[in-house]
Structures are given as structure tokens and as C-alpha cells.
Amino acid sequence: MINTNVIELMKKNGFSDKQIARIEEASITDHLSLEITIIQLSKRFVILSVIFFLLLILSIVAPILNEDKNPLQITCIMIVPLFFLMKLLGLDLCFKARRVVRDMEE
């Protein structure tokens, strides 16, 4: 698939111009086509989402098992940074890449 078609699909699925530029730069650095880079990014979605949900469950269960006096407060303190971690892991980018791959297959 031509890079312009992949870029159009990326824009259609919510990638910003800055994200597209970074992914293009990474594909050039790795000597891969843009299509292959997107496919690799989409494959990371499953692993990253499993890690995120395991951390989420751990942050809910750990204070309860630790028998804290106020487990809800500790749980909230632990969960809020997880949502920032989700962004740092690039879970949203992987999800968008997964949609792009699905559109490329059609």
C-alpha cells in the first residue's frame, strides 16, 4: 500500500499530524515501510492492554488485601496515575493503529 493511502487512513482514524510524523520517522529509522510499522504498533495493543488491566486490578485488590483502614482512598491514589501510564504506554496509539490495520485489510 502506498504511504499516502496509509497516511489518509491514519488521519481518518484519529492520528494527529505530529503522531504521523513521528511514526514516519520511526519507520525510516528502522528501514521499514509505514505499513509494516503500523502493523507492528497494532500488535503491541494486546500486550499493553493486558499489562494495563493487570495493574488496574492490582491497584484495586492490593489495598484491600493489605487491610488498610481506608482502602478506597488508597485505591483512588493508585488508579489515577494508571491513566497517565496508559497514555505513556501509548495504548491509545496502538488502538488507533489497530483500526488502521483493520481498514487496510478491507
PDB file of N, CA and C in Angstrom:
ATOM      1  N   MET A   1       0.847  -1.177   0.000  1.00  0.00           N
ATOM      2  CA  MET A   1       0.000   0.000   0.000  1.00  0.00           C
ATOM      3  C   MET A   1       0.894   1.242   0.000  1.00  0.00           C
ATOM      4  N   ILE A   2       0.512   2.242  -0.721  1.00  0.00           N
ATOM      5  CA  ILE A   2       1.286   3.468  -0.840  1.00  0.00           C
ATOM      6  C   ILE A   2       1.179   4.249   0.476  1.00  0.00           C
ATOM      7  N   ASN A   3       2.287   4.929   0.843  1.00  0.00           N
ATOM      8  CA  ASN A   3       2.313   5.671   2.101  1.00  0.00           C
ATOM      9  C   ASN A   3       1.202   6.703   2.202  1.00  0.00           C
ATOM     10  N   THR A   4       0.841   7.344   1.084  1.00  0.00           N
ATOM     11  CA  THR A   4      -0.216   8.361   1.149  1.00  0.00           C
ATOM     12  C   THR A   4      -1.547   7.730   1.548  1.00  0.00           C
ATOM     13  N   ASN A   5      -1.806   6.514   1.065  1.00  0.00           N
ATOM     14  CA  ASN A   5      -3.042   5.831   1.462  1.00  0.00           C
ATOM     15  C   ASN A   5      -3.026   5.486   2.945  1.00  0.00           C
ATOM     16  N   VAL A   6      -1.870   5.048   3.433  1.00  0.00           N
ATOM     17  CA  VAL A   6      -1.745   4.717   4.854  1.00  0.00           C
ATOM     18  C   VAL A   6      -1.918   5.977   5.695  1.00  0.00           C
ATOM     19  N   ILE A   7      -1.333   7.079   5.252  1.00  0.00           N
ATOM     20  CA  ILE A   7      -1.451   8.343   5.983  1.00  0.00           C
ATOM     21  C   ILE A   7      -2.902   8.810   6.007  1.00  0.00           C
ATOM     22  N   GLU A   8      -3.609   8.666   4.902  1.00  0.00           N
ATOM     23  CA  GLU A   8      -5.033   9.031   4.874  1.00  0.00           C
ATOM     24  C   GLU A   8      -5.827   8.191   5.865  1.00  0.00           C
ATOM     25  N   LEU A   9      -5.541   6.884   5.916  1.00  0.00           N
ATOM     26  CA  LEU A   9      -6.222   6.009   6.876  1.00  0.00           C
ATOM     27  C   LEU A   9      -5.876   6.397   8.313  1.00  0.00           C
ATOM     28  N   MET A  10      -4.632   6.795   8.532  1.00  0.00           N
ATOM     29  CA  MET A  10      -4.222   7.211   9.873  1.00  0.00           C
ATOM     30  C   MET A  10      -4.967   8.471  10.297  1.00  0.00           C
ATOM     31  N   LYS A  11      -5.076   9.435   9.395  1.00  0.00           N
ATOM     32  CA  LYS A  11      -5.812  10.662   9.715  1.00  0.00           C
ATOM     33  C   LYS A  11      -7.285  10.367   9.961  1.00  0.00           C
ATOM     34  N   LYS A  12      -7.831   9.448   9.172  1.00  0.00           N
ATOM     35  CA  LYS A  12      -9.238   9.068   9.316  1.00  0.00           C
ATOM     36  C   LYS A  12      -9.505   8.434  10.683  1.00  0.00           C
ATOM     37  N   ASN A  13      -8.515   7.723  11.208  1.00  0.00           N
ATOM     38  CA  ASN A  13      -8.679   7.026  12.481  1.00  0.00           C
ATOM     39  C   ASN A  13      -8.176   7.817  13.685  1.00  0.00           C
ATOM     40  N   GLY A  14      -7.895   9.096  13.504  1.00  0.00           N
ATOM     41  CA  GLY A  14      -7.632   9.963  14.644  1.00  0.00           C
ATOM     42  C   GLY A  14      -6.184  10.262  14.968  1.00  0.00           C
ATOM     43  N   PHE A  15      -5.244   9.897  14.128  1.00  0.00           N
ATOM     44  CA  PHE A  15      -3.852  10.252  14.370  1.00  0.00           C
ATOM     45  C   PHE A  15      -3.656  11.733  14.088  1.00  0.00           C
ATOM     46  N   SER A  16      -2.898  12.404  14.940  1.00  0.00           N
ATOM     47  CA  SER A  16      -2.573  13.806  14.683  1.00  0.00           C
ATOM     48  C   SER A  16      -1.393  13.871  13.712  1.00  0.00           C
ATOM     49  N   ASP A  17      -1.164  15.049  13.158  1.00  0.00           N
ATOM     50  CA  ASP A  17      -0.047  15.220  12.221  1.00  0.00           C
ATOM     51  C   ASP A  17       1.294  14.943  12.907  1.00  0.00           C
ATOM     52  N   LYS A  18       1.395  15.338  14.177  1.00  0.00           N
ATOM     53  CA  LYS A  18       2.627  15.109  14.930  1.00  0.00           C
ATOM     54  C   LYS A  18       2.867  13.607  15.135  1.00  0.00           C
ATOM     55  N   GLN A  19       1.812  12.875  15.455  1.00  0.00           N
ATOM     56  CA  GLN A  19       1.940  11.426  15.640  1.00  0.00           C
ATOM     57  C   GLN A  19       2.329  10.747  14.328  1.00  0.00           C
ATOM     58  N   ILE A  20       1.721  11.188  13.244  1.00  0.00           N
ATOM     59  CA  ILE A  20       2.042  10.615  11.934  1.00  0.00           C
ATOM     60  C   ILE A  20       3.503  10.878  11.588  1.00  0.00           C
ATOM     61  N   ALA A  21       3.972  12.099  11.847  1.00  0.00           N
ATOM     62  CA  ALA A  21       5.368  12.438  11.554  1.00  0.00           C
ATOM     63  C   ALA A  21       6.326  11.575  12.369  1.00  0.00           C
ATOM     64  N   ARG A  22       6.005  11.348  13.644  1.00  0.00           N
ATOM     65  CA  ARG A  22       6.874  10.521  14.491  1.00  0.00           C
ATOM     66  C   ARG A  22       6.897   9.067  14.025  1.00  0.00           C
ATOM     67  N   ILE A  23       5.747   8.562  13.616  1.00  0.00           N
ATOM     68  CA  ILE A  23       5.688   7.176  13.144  1.00  0.00           C
ATOM     69  C   ILE A  23       6.433   7.038  11.820  1.00  0.00           C
ATOM     70  N   GLU A  24       6.291   8.034  10.941  1.00  0.00           N
ATOM     71  CA  GLU A  24       7.048   8.015   9.677  1.00  0.00           C
ATOM     72  C   GLU A  24       8.548   8.041   9.948  1.00  0.00           C
ATOM     73  N   GLU A  25       8.948   8.871  10.901  1.00  0.00           N
ATOM     74  CA  GLU A  25      10.360   8.972  11.260  1.00  0.00           C
ATOM     75  C   GLU A  25      10.875   7.638  11.814  1.00  0.00           C
ATOM     76  N   ALA A  26      10.061   6.987  12.640  1.00  0.00           N
ATOM     77  CA  ALA A  26      10.451   5.683  13.200  1.00  0.00           C
ATOM     78  C   ALA A  26      10.554   4.625  12.112  1.00  0.00           C
ATOM     79  N   SER A  27       9.656   4.675  11.138  1.00  0.00           N
ATOM     80  CA  SER A  27       9.710   3.677  10.063  1.00  0.00           C
ATOM     81  C   SER A  27      10.946   3.873   9.188  1.00  0.00           C
ATOM     82  N   ILE A  28      11.345   5.123   8.986  1.00  0.00           N
ATOM     83  CA  ILE A  28      12.563   5.399   8.211  1.00  0.00           C
ATOM     84  C   ILE A  28      13.792   4.947   8.997  1.00  0.00           C
ATOM     85  N   THR A  29      13.801   5.225  10.298  1.00  0.00           N
ATOM     86  CA  THR A  29      14.925   4.821  11.145  1.00  0.00           C
ATOM     87  C   THR A  29      15.093   3.306  11.161  1.00  0.00           C
ATOM     88  N   ASP A  30      13.982   2.586  11.217  1.00  0.00           N
ATOM     89  CA  ASP A  30      14.027   1.118  11.267  1.00  0.00           C
ATOM     90  C   ASP A  30      14.108   0.476   9.887  1.00  0.00           C
ATOM     91  N   HIS A  31      14.145   1.295   8.844  1.00  0.00           N
ATOM     92  CA  HIS A  31      14.207   0.811   7.454  1.00  0.00           C
ATOM     93  C   HIS A  31      13.021  -0.090   7.123  1.00  0.00           C
ATOM     94  N   LEU A  32      11.840   0.311   7.573  1.00  0.00           N
ATOM     95  CA  LEU A  32      10.612  -0.432   7.299  1.00  0.00           C
ATOM     96  C   LEU A  32       9.629   0.476   6.584  1.00  0.00           C
ATOM     97  N   SER A  33       8.665  -0.134   5.927  1.00  0.00           N
ATOM     98  CA  SER A  33       7.621   0.682   5.313  1.00  0.00           C
ATOM     99  C   SER A  33       6.676   1.169   6.406  1.00  0.00           C
ATOM    100  N   LEU A  34       5.945   2.207   6.095  1.00  0.00           N
ATOM    101  CA  LEU A  34       4.994   2.768   7.054  1.00  0.00           C
ATOM    102  C   LEU A  34       3.922   1.744   7.410  1.00  0.00           C
ATOM    103  N   GLU A  35       3.533   0.956   6.440  1.00  0.00           N
ATOM    104  CA  GLU A  35       2.508  -0.074   6.661  1.00  0.00           C
ATOM    105  C   GLU A  35       2.976  -1.112   7.684  1.00  0.00           C
ATOM    106  N   ILE A  36       4.201  -1.561   7.562  1.00  0.00           N
ATOM    107  CA  ILE A  36       4.741  -2.556   8.495  1.00  0.00           C
ATOM    108  C   ILE A  36       4.888  -1.959   9.892  1.00  0.00           C
ATOM    109  N   THR A  37       5.287  -0.692   9.968  1.00  0.00           N
ATOM    110  CA  THR A  37       5.413  -0.029  11.262  1.00  0.00           C
ATOM    111  C   THR A  37       4.063   0.049  11.960  1.00  0.00           C
ATOM    112  N   ILE A  38       3.012   0.368  11.217  1.00  0.00           N
ATOM    113  CA  ILE A  38       1.666   0.431  11.796  1.00  0.00           C
ATOM    114  C   ILE A  38       1.221  -0.956  12.256  1.00  0.00           C
ATOM    115  N   ILE A  39       1.524  -1.974  11.475  1.00  0.00           N
ATOM    116  CA  ILE A  39       1.155  -3.341  11.858  1.00  0.00           C
ATOM    117  C   ILE A  39       1.866  -3.737  13.151  1.00  0.00           C
ATOM    118  N   GLN A  40       3.145  -3.406  13.271  1.00  0.00           N
ATOM    119  CA  GLN A  40       3.881  -3.717  14.498  1.00  0.00           C
ATOM    120  C   GLN A  40       3.303  -2.971  15.694  1.00  0.00           C
ATOM    121  N   LEU A  41       2.937  -1.722  15.477  1.00  0.00           N
ATOM    122  CA  LEU A  41       2.343  -0.930  16.553  1.00  0.00           C
ATOM    123  C   LEU A  41       1.005  -1.510  16.990  1.00  0.00           C
ATOM    124  N   SER A  42       0.232  -1.993  16.044  1.00  0.00           N
ATOM    125  CA  SER A  42      -1.074  -2.562  16.390  1.00  0.00           C
ATOM    126  C   SER A  42      -0.934  -3.877  17.152  1.00  0.00           C
ATOM    127  N   LYS A  43       0.133  -4.612  16.905  1.00  0.00           N
ATOM    128  CA  LYS A  43       0.344  -5.875  17.623  1.00  0.00           C
ATOM    129  C   LYS A  43       0.675  -5.643  19.090  1.00  0.00           C
ATOM    130  N   ARG A  44       1.185  -4.482  19.417  1.00  0.00           N
ATOM    131  CA  ARG A  44       1.512  -4.170  20.812  1.00  0.00           C
ATOM    132  C   ARG A  44       0.267  -3.895  21.650  1.00  0.00           C
ATOM    133  N   PHE A  45      -0.853  -3.648  21.006  1.00  0.00           N
ATOM    134  CA  PHE A  45      -2.067  -3.277  21.727  1.00  0.00           C
ATOM    135  C   PHE A  45      -2.476  -4.344  22.732  1.00  0.00           C
ATOM    136  N   VAL A  46      -2.452  -5.593  22.335  1.00  0.00           N
ATOM    137  CA  VAL A  46      -2.901  -6.678  23.209  1.00  0.00           C
ATOM    138  C   VAL A  46      -2.016  -6.768  24.449  1.00  0.00           C
ATOM    139  N   ILE A  47      -0.719  -6.737  24.251  1.00  0.00           N
ATOM    140  CA  ILE A  47       0.212  -6.850  25.375  1.00  0.00           C
ATOM    141  C   ILE A  47       0.058  -5.666  26.321  1.00  0.00           C
ATOM    142  N   LEU A  48       0.007  -4.463  25.764  1.00  0.00           N
ATOM    143  CA  LEU A  48      -0.097  -3.274  26.603  1.00  0.00           C
ATOM    144  C   LEU A  48      -1.429  -3.204  27.333  1.00  0.00           C
ATOM    145  N   SER A  49      -2.504  -3.623  26.686  1.00  0.00           N
ATOM    146  CA  SER A  49      -3.799  -3.587  27.363  1.00  0.00           C
ATOM    147  C   SER A  49      -3.854  -4.612  28.492  1.00  0.00           C
ATOM    148  N   VAL A  50      -3.234  -5.774  28.305  1.00  0.00           N
ATOM    149  CA  VAL A  50      -3.180  -6.770  29.384  1.00  0.00           C
ATOM    150  C   VAL A  50      -2.380  -6.225  30.561  1.00  0.00           C
ATOM    151  N   ILE A  51      -1.242  -5.605  30.287  1.00  0.00           N
ATOM    152  CA  ILE A  51      -0.432  -5.014  31.354  1.00  0.00           C
ATOM    153  C   ILE A  51      -1.226  -3.949  32.093  1.00  0.00           C
ATOM    154  N   PHE A  52      -1.909  -3.093  31.346  1.00  0.00           N
ATOM    155  CA  PHE A  52      -2.674  -2.020  31.968  1.00  0.00           C
ATOM    156  C   PHE A  52      -3.779  -2.577  32.859  1.00  0.00           C
ATOM    157  N   PHE A  53      -4.530  -3.557  32.382  1.00  0.00           N
ATOM    158  CA  PHE A  53      -5.626  -4.091  33.181  1.00  0.00           C
ATOM    159  C   PHE A  53      -5.122  -4.881  34.384  1.00  0.00           C
ATOM    160  N   LEU A  54      -3.986  -5.556  34.263  1.00  0.00           N
ATOM    161  CA  LEU A  54      -3.417  -6.232  35.431  1.00  0.00           C
ATOM    162  C   LEU A  54      -2.995  -5.223  36.497  1.00  0.00           C
ATOM    163  N   LEU A  55      -2.401  -4.119  36.070  1.00  0.00           N
ATOM    164  CA  LEU A  55      -2.043  -3.066  37.024  1.00  0.00           C
ATOM    165  C   LEU A  55      -3.279  -2.442  37.654  1.00  0.00           C
ATOM    166  N   LEU A  56      -4.328  -2.294  36.875  1.00  0.00           N
ATOM    167  CA  LEU A  56      -5.574  -1.744  37.394  1.00  0.00           C
ATOM    168  C   LEU A  56      -6.175  -2.662  38.454  1.00  0.00           C
ATOM    169  N   ILE A  57      -6.220  -3.944  38.173  1.00  0.00           N
ATOM    170  CA  ILE A  57      -6.748  -4.912  39.138  1.00  0.00           C
ATOM    171  C   ILE A  57      -5.875  -4.942  40.391  1.00  0.00           C
ATOM    172  N   LEU A  58      -4.565  -4.908  40.199  1.00  0.00           N
ATOM    173  CA  LEU A  58      -3.655  -4.907  41.338  1.00  0.00           C
ATOM    174  C   LEU A  58      -3.858  -3.678  42.218  1.00  0.00           C
ATOM    175  N   SER A  59      -4.087  -2.522  41.598  1.00  0.00           N
ATOM    176  CA  SER A  59      -4.276  -1.300  42.382  1.00  0.00           C
ATOM    177  C   SER A  59      -5.587  -1.317  43.158  1.00  0.00           C
ATOM    178  N   ILE A  60      -6.550  -2.113  42.717  1.00  0.00           N
ATOM    179  CA  ILE A  60      -7.814  -2.229  43.450  1.00  0.00           C
ATOM    180  C   ILE A  60      -7.707  -3.290  44.547  1.00  0.00           C
ATOM    181  N   VAL A  61      -7.074  -4.395  44.236  1.00  0.00           N
ATOM    182  CA  VAL A  61      -7.025  -5.525  45.166  1.00  0.00           C
ATOM    183  C   VAL A  61      -5.966  -5.345  46.258  1.00  0.00           C
ATOM    184  N   ALA A  62      -4.836  -4.747  45.934  1.00  0.00           N
ATOM    185  CA  ALA A  62      -3.729  -4.639  46.888  1.00  0.00           C
ATOM    186  C   ALA A  62      -4.113  -3.930  48.185  1.00  0.00           C
ATOM    187  N   PRO A  63      -4.768  -2.772  48.151  1.00  0.00           N
ATOM    188  CA  PRO A  63      -5.132  -2.131  49.426  1.00  0.00           C
ATOM    189  C   PRO A  63      -6.131  -2.958  50.245  1.00  0.00           C
ATOM    190  N   ILE A  64      -7.000  -3.681  49.568  1.00  0.00           N
ATOM    191  CA  ILE A  64      -7.978  -4.498  50.285  1.00  0.00           C
ATOM    192  C   ILE A  64      -7.275  -5.667  50.978  1.00  0.00           C
ATOM    193  N   LEU A  65      -6.365  -6.317  50.270  1.00  0.00           N
ATOM    194  CA  LEU A  65      -5.629  -7.435  50.858  1.00  0.00           C
ATOM    195  C   LEU A  65      -4.665  -6.981  51.947  1.00  0.00           C
ATOM    196  N   ASN A  66      -4.213  -5.751  51.842  1.00  0.00           N
ATOM    197  CA  ASN A  66      -3.294  -5.202  52.833  1.00  0.00           C
ATOM    198  C   ASN A  66      -4.026  -4.781  54.103  1.00  0.00           C
ATOM    199  N   GLU A  67      -5.336  -4.832  54.073  1.00  0.00           N
ATOM    200  CA  GLU A  67      -6.203  -4.487  55.205  1.00  0.00           C
ATOM    201  C   GLU A  67      -5.966  -3.065  55.703  1.00  0.00           C
ATOM    202  N   ASP A  68      -5.891  -2.130  54.772  1.00  0.00           N
ATOM    203  CA  ASP A  68      -5.793  -0.725  55.161  1.00  0.00           C
ATOM    204  C   ASP A  68      -7.101  -0.275  55.781  1.00  0.00           C
ATOM    205  N   LYS A  69      -7.009   0.787  56.589  1.00  0.00           N
ATOM    206  CA  LYS A  69      -8.220   1.300  57.231  1.00  0.00           C
ATOM    207  C   LYS A  69      -9.140   1.971  56.224  1.00  0.00           C
ATOM    208  N   ASN A  70      -8.555   2.568  55.200  1.00  0.00           N
ATOM    209  CA  ASN A  70      -9.359   3.239  54.187  1.00  0.00           C
ATOM    210  C   ASN A  70      -8.885   2.786  52.800  1.00  0.00           C
ATOM    211  N   PRO A  71      -9.300   1.590  52.366  1.00  0.00           N
ATOM    212  CA  PRO A  71      -8.795   1.075  51.084  1.00  0.00           C
ATOM    213  C   PRO A  71      -9.263   1.877  49.873  1.00  0.00           C
ATOM    214  N   LEU A  72     -10.413   2.540  49.985  1.00  0.00           N
ATOM    215  CA  LEU A  72     -10.919   3.313  48.851  1.00  0.00           C
ATOM    216  C   LEU A  72     -10.000   4.485  48.530  1.00  0.00           C
ATOM    217  N   GLN A  73      -9.522   5.154  49.552  1.00  0.00           N
ATOM    218  CA  GLN A  73      -8.633   6.295  49.346  1.00  0.00           C
ATOM    219  C   GLN A  73      -7.318   5.847  48.698  1.00  0.00           C
ATOM    220  N   ILE A  74      -6.750   4.777  49.192  1.00  0.00           N
ATOM    221  CA  ILE A  74      -5.503   4.258  48.628  1.00  0.00           C
ATOM    222  C   ILE A  74      -5.718   3.802  47.187  1.00  0.00           C
ATOM    223  N   THR A  75      -6.855   3.160  46.939  1.00  0.00           N
ATOM    224  CA  THR A  75      -7.164   2.698  45.586  1.00  0.00           C
ATOM    225  C   THR A  75      -7.238   3.872  44.621  1.00  0.00           C
ATOM    226  N   CYS A  76      -7.900   4.939  45.027  1.00  0.00           N
ATOM    227  CA  CYS A  76      -8.007   6.127  44.161  1.00  0.00           C
ATOM    228  C   CYS A  76      -6.637   6.741  43.902  1.00  0.00           C
ATOM    229  N   ILE A  77      -5.807   6.761  44.928  1.00  0.00           N
ATOM    230  CA  ILE A  77      -4.461   7.311  44.773  1.00  0.00           C
ATOM    231  C   ILE A  77      -3.655   6.472  43.786  1.00  0.00           C
ATOM    232  N   MET A  78      -3.906   5.174  43.747  1.00  0.00           N
ATOM    233  CA  MET A  78      -3.159   4.293  42.852  1.00  0.00           C
ATOM    234  C   MET A  78      -3.725   4.285  41.434  1.00  0.00           C
ATOM    235  N   ILE A  79      -5.032   4.469  41.292  1.00  0.00           N
ATOM    236  CA  ILE A  79      -5.661   4.363  39.973  1.00  0.00           C
ATOM    237  C   ILE A  79      -5.400   5.594  39.108  1.00  0.00           C
ATOM    238  N   VAL A  80      -5.421   6.767  39.698  1.00  0.00           N
ATOM    239  CA  VAL A  80      -5.258   7.996  38.914  1.00  0.00           C
ATOM    240  C   VAL A  80      -3.950   7.994  38.112  1.00  0.00           C
ATOM    241  N   PRO A  81      -2.808   7.645  38.711  1.00  0.00           N
ATOM    242  CA  PRO A  81      -1.579   7.596  37.892  1.00  0.00           C
ATOM    243  C   PRO A  81      -1.616   6.538  36.794  1.00  0.00           C
ATOM    244  N   LEU A  82      -2.441   5.512  36.971  1.00  0.00           N
ATOM    245  CA  LEU A  82      -2.531   4.478  35.940  1.00  0.00           C
ATOM    246  C   LEU A  82      -3.061   5.036  34.628  1.00  0.00           C
ATOM    247  N   PHE A  83      -3.954   6.005  34.703  1.00  0.00           N
ATOM    248  CA  PHE A  83      -4.487   6.573  33.473  1.00  0.00           C
ATOM    249  C   PHE A  83      -3.434   7.407  32.743  1.00  0.00           C
ATOM    250  N   PHE A  84      -2.516   8.012  33.510  1.00  0.00           N
ATOM    251  CA  PHE A  84      -1.392   8.685  32.877  1.00  0.00           C
ATOM    252  C   PHE A  84      -0.428   7.659  32.294  1.00  0.00           C
ATOM    253  N   LEU A  85      -0.279   6.538  32.987  1.00  0.00           N
ATOM    254  CA  LEU A  85       0.561   5.457  32.487  1.00  0.00           C
ATOM    255  C   LEU A  85       0.011   4.908  31.182  1.00  0.00           C
ATOM    256  N   MET A  86      -1.310   4.843  31.084  1.00  0.00           N
ATOM    257  CA  MET A  86      -1.942   4.365  29.855  1.00  0.00           C
ATOM    258  C   MET A  86      -1.504   5.229  28.674  1.00  0.00           C
ATOM    259  N   LYS A  87      -1.471   6.528  28.885  1.00  0.00           N
ATOM    260  CA  LYS A  87      -1.039   7.443  27.832  1.00  0.00           C
ATOM    261  C   LYS A  87       0.450   7.255  27.534  1.00  0.00           C
ATOM    262  N   LEU A  88       1.246   7.075  28.590  1.00  0.00           N
ATOM    263  CA  LEU A  88       2.680   6.886  28.393  1.00  0.00           C
ATOM    264  C   LEU A  88       2.990   5.584  27.665  1.00  0.00           C
ATOM    265  N   LEU A  89       2.225   4.552  27.934  1.00  0.00           N
ATOM    266  CA  LEU A  89       2.437   3.278  27.252  1.00  0.00           C
ATOM    267  C   LEU A  89       2.079   3.367  25.777  1.00  0.00           C
ATOM    268  N   GLY A  90       1.298   4.365  25.426  1.00  0.00           N
ATOM    269  CA  GLY A  90       0.889   4.506  24.034  1.00  0.00           C
ATOM    270  C   GLY A  90      -0.269   3.601  23.678  1.00  0.00           C
ATOM    271  N   LEU A  91      -1.077   3.289  24.678  1.00  0.00           N
ATOM    272  CA  LEU A  91      -2.187   2.377  24.444  1.00  0.00           C
ATOM    273  C   LEU A  91      -3.172   2.955  23.437  1.00  0.00           C
ATOM    274  N   ASP A  92      -3.368   4.267  23.479  1.00  0.00           N
ATOM    275  CA  ASP A  92      -4.291   4.890  22.529  1.00  0.00           C
ATOM    276  C   ASP A  92      -3.742   4.835  21.102  1.00  0.00           C
ATOM    277  N   LEU A  93      -2.422   5.006  20.955  1.00  0.00           N
ATOM    278  CA  LEU A  93      -1.815   4.912  19.619  1.00  0.00           C
ATOM    279  C   LEU A  93      -1.932   3.500  19.063  1.00  0.00           C
ATOM    280  N   CYS A  94      -1.722   2.526  19.934  1.00  0.00           N
ATOM    281  CA  CYS A  94      -1.820   1.129  19.488  1.00  0.00           C
ATOM    282  C   CYS A  94      -3.245   0.799  19.067  1.00  0.00           C
ATOM    283  N   PHE A  95      -4.219   1.351  19.793  1.00  0.00           N
ATOM    284  CA  PHE A  95      -5.615   1.109  19.434  1.00  0.00           C
ATOM    285  C   PHE A  95      -5.942   1.739  18.082  1.00  0.00           C
ATOM    286  N   LYS A  96      -5.466   2.965  17.871  1.00  0.00           N
ATOM    287  CA  LYS A  96      -5.690   3.623  16.581  1.00  0.00           C
ATOM    288  C   LYS A  96      -5.002   2.854  15.453  1.00  0.00           C
ATOM    289  N   ALA A  97      -3.793   2.373  15.724  1.00  0.00           N
ATOM    290  CA  ALA A  97      -3.061   1.596  14.714  1.00  0.00           C
ATOM    291  C   ALA A  97      -3.812   0.317  14.384  1.00  0.00           C
ATOM    292  N   ARG A  98      -4.438  -0.260  15.376  1.00  0.00           N
ATOM    293  CA  ARG A  98      -5.222  -1.482  15.144  1.00  0.00           C
ATOM    294  C   ARG A  98      -6.395  -1.209  14.199  1.00  0.00           C
ATOM    295  N   ARG A  99      -7.031  -0.041  14.375  1.00  0.00           N
ATOM    296  CA  ARG A  99      -8.131   0.329  13.474  1.00  0.00           C
ATOM    297  C   ARG A  99      -7.620   0.594  12.064  1.00  0.00           C
ATOM    298  N   VAL A 100      -6.433   1.192  11.950  1.00  0.00           N
ATOM    299  CA  VAL A 100      -5.850   1.446  10.627  1.00  0.00           C
ATOM    300  C   VAL A 100      -5.570   0.125   9.921  1.00  0.00           C
ATOM    301  N   VAL A 101      -5.020  -0.842  10.644  1.00  0.00           N
ATOM    302  CA  VAL A 101      -4.728  -2.154  10.050  1.00  0.00           C
ATOM    303  C   VAL A 101      -6.018  -2.821   9.594  1.00  0.00           C
ATOM    304  N   ARG A 102      -7.047  -2.713  10.394  1.00  0.00           N
ATOM    305  CA  ARG A 102      -8.348  -3.282  10.009  1.00  0.00           C
ATOM    306  C   ARG A 102      -8.859  -2.626   8.725  1.00  0.00           C
ATOM    307  N   ASP A 103      -8.693  -1.312   8.611  1.00  0.00           N
ATOM    308  CA  ASP A 103      -9.113  -0.610   7.393  1.00  0.00           C
ATOM    309  C   ASP A 103      -8.241  -0.985   6.197  1.00  0.00           C
ATOM    310  N   MET A 104      -6.952  -1.253   6.431  1.00  0.00           N
ATOM    311  CA  MET A 104      -6.065  -1.646   5.330  1.00  0.00           C
ATOM    312  C   MET A 104      -6.451  -3.018   4.786  1.00  0.00           C
ATOM    313  N   GLU A 105      -6.943  -3.881   5.659  1.00  0.00           N
ATOM    314  CA  GLU A 105      -7.322  -5.228   5.231  1.00  0.00           C
ATOM    315  C   GLU A 105      -8.590  -5.230   4.389  1.00  0.00           C
ATOM    316  N   GLU A 106      -9.408  -4.208   4.546  1.00  0.00           N
ATOM    317  CA  GLU A 106     -10.675  -4.148   3.786  1.00  0.00           C
ATOM    318  C   GLU A 106     -10.450  -3.744   2.354  1.00  0.00           C
TER     319      GLU A 106
END
